[in-house]
């Protein structure tokens, strides 16, 4: 069940480093929280560690380097965070072994009422925690890229920012998101990287703003922006071009891509 548009989206984070999430109180997300669009709660996992050292990890069964986070404090923490009910909630485990986080993932999560991020450390969280949590809520293991971080916290911050900026009212201009790189939709930039943008002054260090942007010819400006997006995508992310359906490129697009060193034909593109 999707959340109501008038309800604040709640984001819970469980971590051993609560201070890591101070950025949630600043910039767009902080302002959105002040306006009641978002509700953040950061929970210190060590509050559910009961020994004198507040330990949350132990040596791995079967041997091997590093330490593994114990399921016991995690289980107790999730019990308290979820409370007696957990409607419209998803548990997200940032991990390099997870599925790739994409703009479509952010859009899906932005339609949910509540997200809980469990930020693991060391060699990860005991696998029984996720198995047990699946009895109560959907659980997603998600990766922000093909690299390893020191913990789930930076990945969670990346995902929270990408998700929350899509919520109604968070961005100053709601039309900005669809035009972003990876913005999706059916507009002229769908599937392409965003091209360069310009503002005053018209001349800076001898470099002039492209004349077409000053022309007032909206059709020519739109064509120029698409050409730039095509060139940038060909140079930096040719894999995105290869994934475009063949019928999304017209003859002009194909000439631009040919000039950019990325010749295409109908059979080269996805169907």
C-alpha atoms as a PDB file:
ATOM      1  CA  UNK A   1       0.000   0.000   0.000  1.00  0.00           C
ATOM      2  CA  UNK A   2       1.477   3.362  -1.031  1.00  0.00           C
ATOM      3  CA  UNK A   3       1.709   6.167   1.464  1.00  0.00           C
ATOM      4  CA  UNK A   4      -0.645   9.136   1.407  1.00  0.00           C
ATOM      5  CA  UNK A   5       0.739  12.275  -0.219  1.00  0.00           C
ATOM      6  CA  UNK A   6       0.014  14.211   3.001  1.00  0.00           C
ATOM      7  CA  UNK A   7       1.948  11.846   5.281  1.00  0.00           C
ATOM      8  CA  UNK A   8       5.578  12.449   6.161  1.00  0.00           C
ATOM      9  CA  UNK A   9       7.971   9.765   5.010  1.00  0.00           C
ATOM     10  CA  UNK A  10       9.801   8.246   7.964  1.00  0.00           C
ATOM     11  CA  UNK A  11      13.426   7.168   7.622  1.00  0.00           C
ATOM     12  CA  UNK A  12      15.034   5.171  10.447  1.00  0.00           C
ATOM     13  CA  UNK A  13      18.736   4.413  10.564  1.00  0.00           C
ATOM     14  CA  UNK A  14      20.379   1.866  12.872  1.00  0.00           C
ATOM     15  CA  UNK A  15      24.132   2.330  13.203  1.00  0.00           C
ATOM     16  CA  UNK A  16      27.033   2.285  15.645  1.00  0.00           C
ATOM     17  CA  UNK A  17      27.957   5.799  14.468  1.00  0.00           C
ATOM     18  CA  UNK A  18      24.883   8.024  14.927  1.00  0.00           C
ATOM     19  CA  UNK A  19      26.958  11.155  14.416  1.00  0.00           C
ATOM     20  CA  UNK A  20      27.630  10.100  10.838  1.00  0.00           C
ATOM     21  CA  UNK A  21      24.097  11.175   9.949  1.00  0.00           C
ATOM     22  CA  UNK A  22      24.289  14.814  11.012  1.00  0.00           C
ATOM     23  CA  UNK A  23      24.099  15.848   7.301  1.00  0.00           C
ATOM     24  CA  UNK A  24      20.422  14.832   7.362  1.00  0.00           C
ATOM     25  CA  UNK A  25      19.750  18.004   9.326  1.00  0.00           C
ATOM     26  CA  UNK A  26      21.108  20.387   6.688  1.00  0.00           C
ATOM     27  CA  UNK A  27      20.412  21.456   3.108  1.00  0.00           C
ATOM     28  CA  UNK A  28      17.295  20.273   1.254  1.00  0.00           C
ATOM     29  CA  UNK A  29      16.619  17.289   3.489  1.00  0.00           C
ATOM     30  CA  UNK A  30      16.917  19.307   6.678  1.00  0.00           C
ATOM     31  CA  UNK A  31      14.524  21.924   5.345  1.00  0.00           C
ATOM     32  CA  UNK A  32      12.088  19.218   4.229  1.00  0.00           C
ATOM     33  CA  UNK A  33      12.171  17.709   7.718  1.00  0.00           C
ATOM     34  CA  UNK A  34      11.457  21.126   9.237  1.00  0.00           C
ATOM     35  CA  UNK A  35       8.401  21.423   6.972  1.00  0.00           C
ATOM     36  CA  UNK A  36       7.125  18.016   8.036  1.00  0.00           C
ATOM     37  CA  UNK A  37       7.745  16.260   4.723  1.00  0.00           C
ATOM     38  CA  UNK A  38      10.312  13.906   6.250  1.00  0.00           C
ATOM     39  CA  UNK A  39      10.934  12.387   9.637  1.00  0.00           C
ATOM     40  CA  UNK A  40      14.408  11.082  10.490  1.00  0.00           C
ATOM     41  CA  UNK A  41      15.300   8.883  13.463  1.00  0.00           C
ATOM     42  CA  UNK A  42      18.858   7.636  14.032  1.00  0.00           C
ATOM     43  CA  UNK A  43      19.312   4.779  16.525  1.00  0.00           C
ATOM     44  CA  UNK A  44      22.565   3.737  18.187  1.00  0.00           C
ATOM     45  CA  UNK A  45      22.902  -0.039  17.880  1.00  0.00           C
ATOM     46  CA  UNK A  46      25.016  -0.160  21.048  1.00  0.00           C
ATOM     47  CA  UNK A  47      21.905   0.704  23.070  1.00  0.00           C
ATOM     48  CA  UNK A  48      20.962  -2.949  22.567  1.00  0.00           C
ATOM     49  CA  UNK A  49      24.371  -4.362  23.549  1.00  0.00           C
ATOM     50  CA  UNK A  50      24.235  -5.668  27.121  1.00  0.00           C
ATOM     51  CA  UNK A  51      27.822  -6.445  28.113  1.00  0.00           C
ATOM     52  CA  UNK A  52      30.104  -4.003  29.875  1.00  0.00           C
ATOM     53  CA  UNK A  53      31.929  -3.181  26.630  1.00  0.00           C
ATOM     54  CA  UNK A  54      28.705  -2.696  24.630  1.00  0.00           C
ATOM     55  CA  UNK A  55      30.033  -5.201  22.103  1.00  0.00           C
ATOM     56  CA  UNK A  56      28.155  -5.705  18.835  1.00  0.00           C
ATOM     57  CA  UNK A  57      30.562  -8.055  17.045  1.00  0.00           C
ATOM     58  CA  UNK A  58      32.392 -11.350  17.471  1.00  0.00           C
ATOM     59  CA  UNK A  59      34.774 -13.665  15.626  1.00  0.00           C
ATOM     60  CA  UNK A  60      33.314 -15.505  12.613  1.00  0.00           C
ATOM     61  CA  UNK A  61      32.349 -19.170  12.788  1.00  0.00           C
ATOM     62  CA  UNK A  62      34.446 -21.158  10.321  1.00  0.00           C
ATOM     63  CA  UNK A  63      37.420 -18.854  10.722  1.00  0.00           C
ATOM     64  CA  UNK A  64      38.553 -16.034   8.518  1.00  0.00           C
ATOM     65  CA  UNK A  65      39.711 -12.442   8.969  1.00  0.00           C
ATOM     66  CA  UNK A  66      37.742  -9.665  10.569  1.00  0.00           C
ATOM     67  CA  UNK A  67      34.728  -9.599  12.837  1.00  0.00           C
ATOM     68  CA  UNK A  68      31.035 -10.238  12.238  1.00  0.00           C
ATOM     69  CA  UNK A  69      28.227  -8.187  13.741  1.00  0.00           C
ATOM     70  CA  UNK A  70      26.114 -10.264  16.126  1.00  0.00           C
ATOM     71  CA  UNK A  71      22.428 -10.797  15.280  1.00  0.00           C
ATOM     72  CA  UNK A  72      21.310 -10.291  18.893  1.00  0.00           C
ATOM     73  CA  UNK A  73      21.595  -6.487  19.182  1.00  0.00           C
ATOM     74  CA  UNK A  74      20.357  -6.098  15.635  1.00  0.00           C
ATOM     75  CA  UNK A  75      17.287  -8.186  16.314  1.00  0.00           C
ATOM     76  CA  UNK A  76      16.445  -6.272  19.483  1.00  0.00           C
ATOM     77  CA  UNK A  77      17.015  -2.941  17.767  1.00  0.00           C
ATOM     78  CA  UNK A  78      14.695  -3.809  14.906  1.00  0.00           C
ATOM     79  CA  UNK A  79      12.032  -5.039  17.334  1.00  0.00           C
ATOM     80  CA  UNK A  80      12.022  -1.646  19.036  1.00  0.00           C
ATOM     81  CA  UNK A  81      12.273   0.420  15.847  1.00  0.00           C
ATOM     82  CA  UNK A  82       9.424  -1.414  14.146  1.00  0.00           C
ATOM     83  CA  UNK A  83       7.284  -1.566  17.277  1.00  0.00           C
ATOM     84  CA  UNK A  84       4.051  -3.518  17.266  1.00  0.00           C
ATOM     85  CA  UNK A  85       3.345  -2.941  13.600  1.00  0.00           C
ATOM     86  CA  UNK A  86       5.284  -2.351  10.409  1.00  0.00           C
ATOM     87  CA  UNK A  87       2.905  -1.381   7.596  1.00  0.00           C
ATOM     88  CA  UNK A  88       4.402   0.003   4.381  1.00  0.00           C
ATOM     89  CA  UNK A  89       7.944  -0.492   5.709  1.00  0.00           C
ATOM     90  CA  UNK A  90      11.041  -1.822   3.992  1.00  0.00           C
ATOM     91  CA  UNK A  91      14.341  -2.781   5.599  1.00  0.00           C
ATOM     92  CA  UNK A  92      17.381  -1.862   3.516  1.00  0.00           C
ATOM     93  CA  UNK A  93      20.785  -3.443   4.162  1.00  0.00           C
ATOM     94  CA  UNK A  94      23.604  -1.561   2.387  1.00  0.00           C
ATOM     95  CA  UNK A  95      26.144  -4.149   1.254  1.00  0.00           C
ATOM     96  CA  UNK A  96      28.565  -4.543  -1.680  1.00  0.00           C
ATOM     97  CA  UNK A  97      26.987  -7.977  -2.192  1.00  0.00           C
ATOM     98  CA  UNK A  98      23.544  -6.455  -2.860  1.00  0.00           C
ATOM     99  CA  UNK A  99      21.639  -5.524  -5.998  1.00  0.00           C
ATOM    100  CA  UNK A 100      22.696  -2.278  -7.667  1.00  0.00           C
ATOM    101  CA  UNK A 101      20.991   0.898  -6.469  1.00  0.00           C
ATOM    102  CA  UNK A 102      19.675   2.843  -9.444  1.00  0.00           C
ATOM    103  CA  UNK A 103      17.471   5.864 -10.053  1.00  0.00           C
ATOM    104  CA  UNK A 104      14.535   3.505 -10.537  1.00  0.00           C
ATOM    105  CA  UNK A 105      15.258   2.051  -7.097  1.00  0.00           C
ATOM    106  CA  UNK A 106      15.199   5.524  -5.573  1.00  0.00           C
ATOM    107  CA  UNK A 107      11.868   6.241  -7.260  1.00  0.00           C
ATOM    108  CA  UNK A 108      10.372   3.008  -5.908  1.00  0.00           C
ATOM    109  CA  UNK A 109      11.540   3.710  -2.367  1.00  0.00           C
ATOM    110  CA  UNK A 110      10.279   7.313  -2.550  1.00  0.00           C
ATOM    111  CA  UNK A 111       6.726   5.963  -2.782  1.00  0.00           C
ATOM    112  CA  UNK A 112       6.994   4.043   0.486  1.00  0.00           C
ATOM    113  CA  UNK A 113       5.802   5.260   3.873  1.00  0.00           C
ATOM    114  CA  UNK A 114       8.794   4.103   5.903  1.00  0.00           C
ATOM    115  CA  UNK A 115      12.356   2.972   5.260  1.00  0.00           C
ATOM    116  CA  UNK A 116      14.702   1.429   7.798  1.00  0.00           C
ATOM    117  CA  UNK A 117      18.437   1.317   7.023  1.00  0.00           C
ATOM    118  CA  UNK A 118      20.612  -1.185   8.904  1.00  0.00           C
ATOM    119  CA  UNK A 119      24.219  -0.059   8.544  1.00  0.00           C
ATOM    120  CA  UNK A 120      26.597  -2.954   8.998  1.00  0.00           C
ATOM    121  CA  UNK A 121      30.324  -2.782   9.676  1.00  0.00           C
ATOM    122  CA  UNK A 122      33.346  -5.103   9.705  1.00  0.00           C
ATOM    123  CA  UNK A 123      32.650  -8.263   7.675  1.00  0.00           C
ATOM    124  CA  UNK A 124      28.902  -7.645   7.766  1.00  0.00           C
ATOM    125  CA  UNK A 125      25.900  -8.639   9.868  1.00  0.00           C
ATOM    126  CA  UNK A 126      25.224 -12.251  10.831  1.00  0.00           C
ATOM    127  CA  UNK A 127      23.041 -13.646   8.045  1.00  0.00           C
ATOM    128  CA  UNK A 128      20.347 -14.790  10.449  1.00  0.00           C
ATOM    129  CA  UNK A 129      19.340 -11.195  11.115  1.00  0.00           C
ATOM    130  CA  UNK A 130      18.077 -10.625   7.567  1.00  0.00           C
ATOM    131  CA  UNK A 131      16.395 -14.044   7.489  1.00  0.00           C
ATOM    132  CA  UNK A 132      14.548 -13.280  10.719  1.00  0.00           C
ATOM    133  CA  UNK A 133      13.594  -9.754   9.604  1.00  0.00           C
ATOM    134  CA  UNK A 134      11.974 -11.126   6.442  1.00  0.00           C
ATOM    135  CA  UNK A 135       9.284 -12.648   8.652  1.00  0.00           C
ATOM    136  CA  UNK A 136       8.138  -9.115   9.451  1.00  0.00           C
ATOM    137  CA  UNK A 137       9.078  -6.780   6.596  1.00  0.00           C
ATOM    138  CA  UNK A 138      10.443  -6.902   3.047  1.00  0.00           C
ATOM    139  CA  UNK A 139      14.243  -6.846   3.152  1.00  0.00           C
ATOM    140  CA  UNK A 140      16.459  -5.518   0.361  1.00  0.00           C
ATOM    141  CA  UNK A 141      20.234  -5.959   0.233  1.00  0.00           C
ATOM    142  CA  UNK A 142      21.455  -3.035  -1.863  1.00  0.00           C
ATOM    143  CA  UNK A 143      24.829  -1.888  -3.239  1.00  0.00           C
ATOM    144  CA  UNK A 144      25.678   1.648  -4.345  1.00  0.00           C
ATOM    145  CA  UNK A 145      28.532   0.446  -6.558  1.00  0.00           C
ATOM    146  CA  UNK A 146      31.161  -2.135  -7.287  1.00  0.00           C
ATOM    147  CA  UNK A 147      33.503  -1.145  -4.485  1.00  0.00           C
ATOM    148  CA  UNK A 148      33.813  -1.723  -0.753  1.00  0.00           C
ATOM    149  CA  UNK A 149      33.214   0.967   1.871  1.00  0.00           C
ATOM    150  CA  UNK A 150      34.191   0.912   5.534  1.00  0.00           C
ATOM    151  CA  UNK A 151      30.550   0.514   6.527  1.00  0.00           C
ATOM    152  CA  UNK A 152      26.961   0.951   5.460  1.00  0.00           C
ATOM    153  CA  UNK A 153      26.705   4.558   6.638  1.00  0.00           C
ATOM    154  CA  UNK A 154      28.024   6.391   3.542  1.00  0.00           C
ATOM    155  CA  UNK A 155      25.965   4.150   1.284  1.00  0.00           C
ATOM    156  CA  UNK A 156      22.847   4.818   3.363  1.00  0.00           C
ATOM    157  CA  UNK A 157      23.410   8.576   3.137  1.00  0.00           C
ATOM    158  CA  UNK A 158      23.722   8.350  -0.640  1.00  0.00           C
ATOM    159  CA  UNK A 159      20.513   6.362  -0.928  1.00  0.00           C
ATOM    160  CA  UNK A 160      18.570   8.561   1.504  1.00  0.00           C
ATOM    161  CA  UNK A 161      19.526  11.687  -0.432  1.00  0.00           C
ATOM    162  CA  UNK A 162      18.637  10.134  -3.805  1.00  0.00           C
ATOM    163  CA  UNK A 163      15.300   8.886  -2.472  1.00  0.00           C
ATOM    164  CA  UNK A 164      14.165  11.903  -0.475  1.00  0.00           C
ATOM    165  CA  UNK A 165      14.893  14.501  -3.158  1.00  0.00           C
ATOM    166  CA  UNK A 166      12.202  12.787  -5.261  1.00  0.00           C
ATOM    167  CA  UNK A 167       9.496  13.394  -2.660  1.00  0.00           C
ATOM    168  CA  UNK A 168       6.887  16.045  -3.492  1.00  0.00           C
ATOM    169  CA  UNK A 169       7.873  19.412  -2.073  1.00  0.00           C
ATOM    170  CA  UNK A 170      11.514  18.597  -1.285  1.00  0.00           C
ATOM    171  CA  UNK A 171      13.052  20.201  -4.378  1.00  0.00           C
ATOM    172  CA  UNK A 172      12.482  23.910  -4.902  1.00  0.00           C
ATOM    173  CA  UNK A 173      11.499  23.190  -8.502  1.00  0.00           C
ATOM    174  CA  UNK A 174       9.676  19.898  -8.938  1.00  0.00           C
ATOM    175  CA  UNK A 175      10.487  19.948 -12.662  1.00  0.00           C
ATOM    176  CA  UNK A 176      14.206  19.550 -11.913  1.00  0.00           C
ATOM    177  CA  UNK A 177      14.151  15.836 -11.074  1.00  0.00           C
ATOM    178  CA  UNK A 178      12.810  14.463 -14.390  1.00  0.00           C
ATOM    179  CA  UNK A 179      15.546  16.365 -16.270  1.00  0.00           C
ATOM    180  CA  UNK A 180      18.351  14.972 -14.100  1.00  0.00           C
ATOM    181  CA  UNK A 181      20.737  12.364 -15.422  1.00  0.00           C
ATOM    182  CA  UNK A 182      18.972   8.996 -15.033  1.00  0.00           C
ATOM    183  CA  UNK A 183      15.742  10.927 -14.421  1.00  0.00           C
ATOM    184  CA  UNK A 184      13.681   8.505 -16.442  1.00  0.00           C
ATOM    185  CA  UNK A 185      10.326   9.386 -17.867  1.00  0.00           C
ATOM    186  CA  UNK A 186       9.493   9.894 -21.508  1.00  0.00           C
ATOM    187  CA  UNK A 187      11.026  13.340 -22.048  1.00  0.00           C
ATOM    188  CA  UNK A 188      13.752  14.301 -24.531  1.00  0.00           C
ATOM    189  CA  UNK A 189      16.511  13.418 -22.037  1.00  0.00           C
ATOM    190  CA  UNK A 190      15.170  10.010 -21.050  1.00  0.00           C
ATOM    191  CA  UNK A 191      18.016   7.509 -20.800  1.00  0.00           C
ATOM    192  CA  UNK A 192      20.717  10.159 -21.302  1.00  0.00           C
ATOM    193  CA  UNK A 193      23.149  12.030 -19.083  1.00  0.00           C
ATOM    194  CA  UNK A 194      22.331  15.672 -18.517  1.00  0.00           C
ATOM    195  CA  UNK A 195      24.380  18.068 -20.633  1.00  0.00           C
ATOM    196  CA  UNK A 196      26.299  21.153 -19.438  1.00  0.00           C
ATOM    197  CA  UNK A 197      24.446  24.123 -17.929  1.00  0.00           C
ATOM    198  CA  UNK A 198      25.338  27.830 -17.827  1.00  0.00           C
ATOM    199  CA  UNK A 199      24.462  31.043 -15.958  1.00  0.00           C
ATOM    200  CA  UNK A 200      25.749  34.632 -15.631  1.00  0.00           C
ATOM    201  CA  UNK A 201      28.171  36.125 -16.515  1.00  0.00           C
ATOM    202  CA  UNK A 202      27.836  35.645 -20.286  1.00  0.00           C
ATOM    203  CA  UNK A 203      31.629  35.705 -20.620  1.00  0.00           C
ATOM    204  CA  UNK A 204      33.911  34.213 -17.972  1.00  0.00           C
ATOM    205  CA  UNK A 205      37.703  33.981 -18.392  1.00  0.00           C
ATOM    206  CA  UNK A 206      37.248  34.355 -22.120  1.00  0.00           C
ATOM    207  CA  UNK A 207      34.682  31.577 -22.361  1.00  0.00           C
ATOM    208  CA  UNK A 208      31.276  32.577 -23.694  1.00  0.00           C
ATOM    209  CA  UNK A 209      27.913  31.020 -23.004  1.00  0.00           C
ATOM    210  CA  UNK A 210      26.777  29.155 -26.166  1.00  0.00           C
ATOM    211  CA  UNK A 211      24.926  31.655 -28.354  1.00  0.00           C
ATOM    212  CA  UNK A 212      21.931  29.382 -28.868  1.00  0.00           C
ATOM    213  CA  UNK A 213      21.058  29.657 -25.160  1.00  0.00           C
ATOM    214  CA  UNK A 214      20.711  33.433 -25.582  1.00  0.00           C
ATOM    215  CA  UNK A 215      18.675  33.233 -28.776  1.00  0.00           C
ATOM    216  CA  UNK A 216      15.196  32.876 -27.300  1.00  0.00           C
ATOM    217  CA  UNK A 217      14.515  30.109 -29.843  1.00  0.00           C
ATOM    218  CA  UNK A 218      13.096  27.421 -27.545  1.00  0.00           C
ATOM    219  CA  UNK A 219      13.068  24.718 -30.215  1.00  0.00           C
ATOM    220  CA  UNK A 220      16.720  25.359 -31.046  1.00  0.00           C
ATOM    221  CA  UNK A 221      17.631  25.398 -27.351  1.00  0.00           C
ATOM    222  CA  UNK A 222      15.865  22.065 -26.790  1.00  0.00           C
ATOM    223  CA  UNK A 223      17.667  20.562 -29.791  1.00  0.00           C
ATOM    224  CA  UNK A 224      21.032  21.876 -28.549  1.00  0.00           C
ATOM    225  CA  UNK A 225      20.460  20.447 -25.085  1.00  0.00           C
ATOM    226  CA  UNK A 226      19.599  17.035 -26.483  1.00  0.00           C
ATOM    227  CA  UNK A 227      22.680  17.136 -28.739  1.00  0.00           C
ATOM    228  CA  UNK A 228      24.867  17.909 -25.744  1.00  0.00           C
ATOM    229  CA  UNK A 229      23.258  15.123 -23.729  1.00  0.00           C
ATOM    230  CA  UNK A 230      23.890  12.678 -26.562  1.00  0.00           C
ATOM    231  CA  UNK A 231      27.545  13.709 -26.860  1.00  0.00           C
ATOM    232  CA  UNK A 232      28.169  13.525 -23.122  1.00  0.00           C
ATOM    233  CA  UNK A 233      26.494  10.133 -22.832  1.00  0.00           C
ATOM    234  CA  UNK A 234      28.502   8.792 -25.782  1.00  0.00           C
ATOM    235  CA  UNK A 235      31.736  10.006 -24.185  1.00  0.00           C
ATOM    236  CA  UNK A 236      31.103   8.961 -20.595  1.00  0.00           C
ATOM    237  CA  UNK A 237      28.425   6.250 -20.564  1.00  0.00           C
ATOM    238  CA  UNK A 238      28.159   4.508 -23.951  1.00  0.00           C
ATOM    239  CA  UNK A 239      26.460   1.625 -22.144  1.00  0.00           C
ATOM    240  CA  UNK A 240      23.427   3.869 -21.606  1.00  0.00           C
ATOM    241  CA  UNK A 241      23.206   4.607 -25.327  1.00  0.00           C
ATOM    242  CA  UNK A 242      23.459   0.931 -26.143  1.00  0.00           C
ATOM    243  CA  UNK A 243      20.447   0.309 -23.905  1.00  0.00           C
ATOM    244  CA  UNK A 244      18.213   2.883 -25.614  1.00  0.00           C
ATOM    245  CA  UNK A 245      15.352   1.534 -27.754  1.00  0.00           C
ATOM    246  CA  UNK A 246      16.087   2.081 -31.457  1.00  0.00           C
ATOM    247  CA  UNK A 247      12.966   4.180 -31.997  1.00  0.00           C
ATOM    248  CA  UNK A 248      14.096   6.852 -29.508  1.00  0.00           C
ATOM    249  CA  UNK A 249      16.799   8.160 -31.887  1.00  0.00           C
ATOM    250  CA  UNK A 250      15.971  10.181 -35.002  1.00  0.00           C
ATOM    251  CA  UNK A 251      18.249  10.856 -37.972  1.00  0.00           C
ATOM    252  CA  UNK A 252      19.618  14.027 -36.376  1.00  0.00           C
ATOM    253  CA  UNK A 253      20.463  12.091 -33.202  1.00  0.00           C
ATOM    254  CA  UNK A 254      22.311   9.504 -35.244  1.00  0.00           C
ATOM    255  CA  UNK A 255      24.352  12.185 -37.049  1.00  0.00           C
ATOM    256  CA  UNK A 256      25.302  13.737 -33.689  1.00  0.00           C
ATOM    257  CA  UNK A 257      26.381  10.365 -32.332  1.00  0.00           C
ATOM    258  CA  UNK A 258      28.319   9.561 -35.506  1.00  0.00           C
ATOM    259  CA  UNK A 259      30.217  12.862 -35.136  1.00  0.00           C
ATOM    260  CA  UNK A 260      30.855  11.939 -31.480  1.00  0.00           C
ATOM    261  CA  UNK A 261      32.481   8.680 -32.523  1.00  0.00           C
ATOM    262  CA  UNK A 262      29.520   6.502 -31.566  1.00  0.00           C
ATOM    263  CA  UNK A 263      27.880   5.454 -34.851  1.00  0.00           C
ATOM    264  CA  UNK A 264      24.614   3.609 -34.367  1.00  0.00           C
ATOM    265  CA  UNK A 265      22.051   1.876 -36.486  1.00  0.00           C
ATOM    266  CA  UNK A 266      18.696   0.336 -35.654  1.00  0.00           C
ATOM    267  CA  UNK A 267      20.217  -3.095 -35.116  1.00  0.00           C
ATOM    268  CA  UNK A 268      22.784  -1.670 -32.708  1.00  0.00           C
ATOM    269  CA  UNK A 269      20.190  -0.425 -30.267  1.00  0.00           C
ATOM    270  CA  UNK A 270      18.038  -2.227 -27.741  1.00  0.00           C
ATOM    271  CA  UNK A 271      14.517  -3.254 -28.700  1.00  0.00           C
END
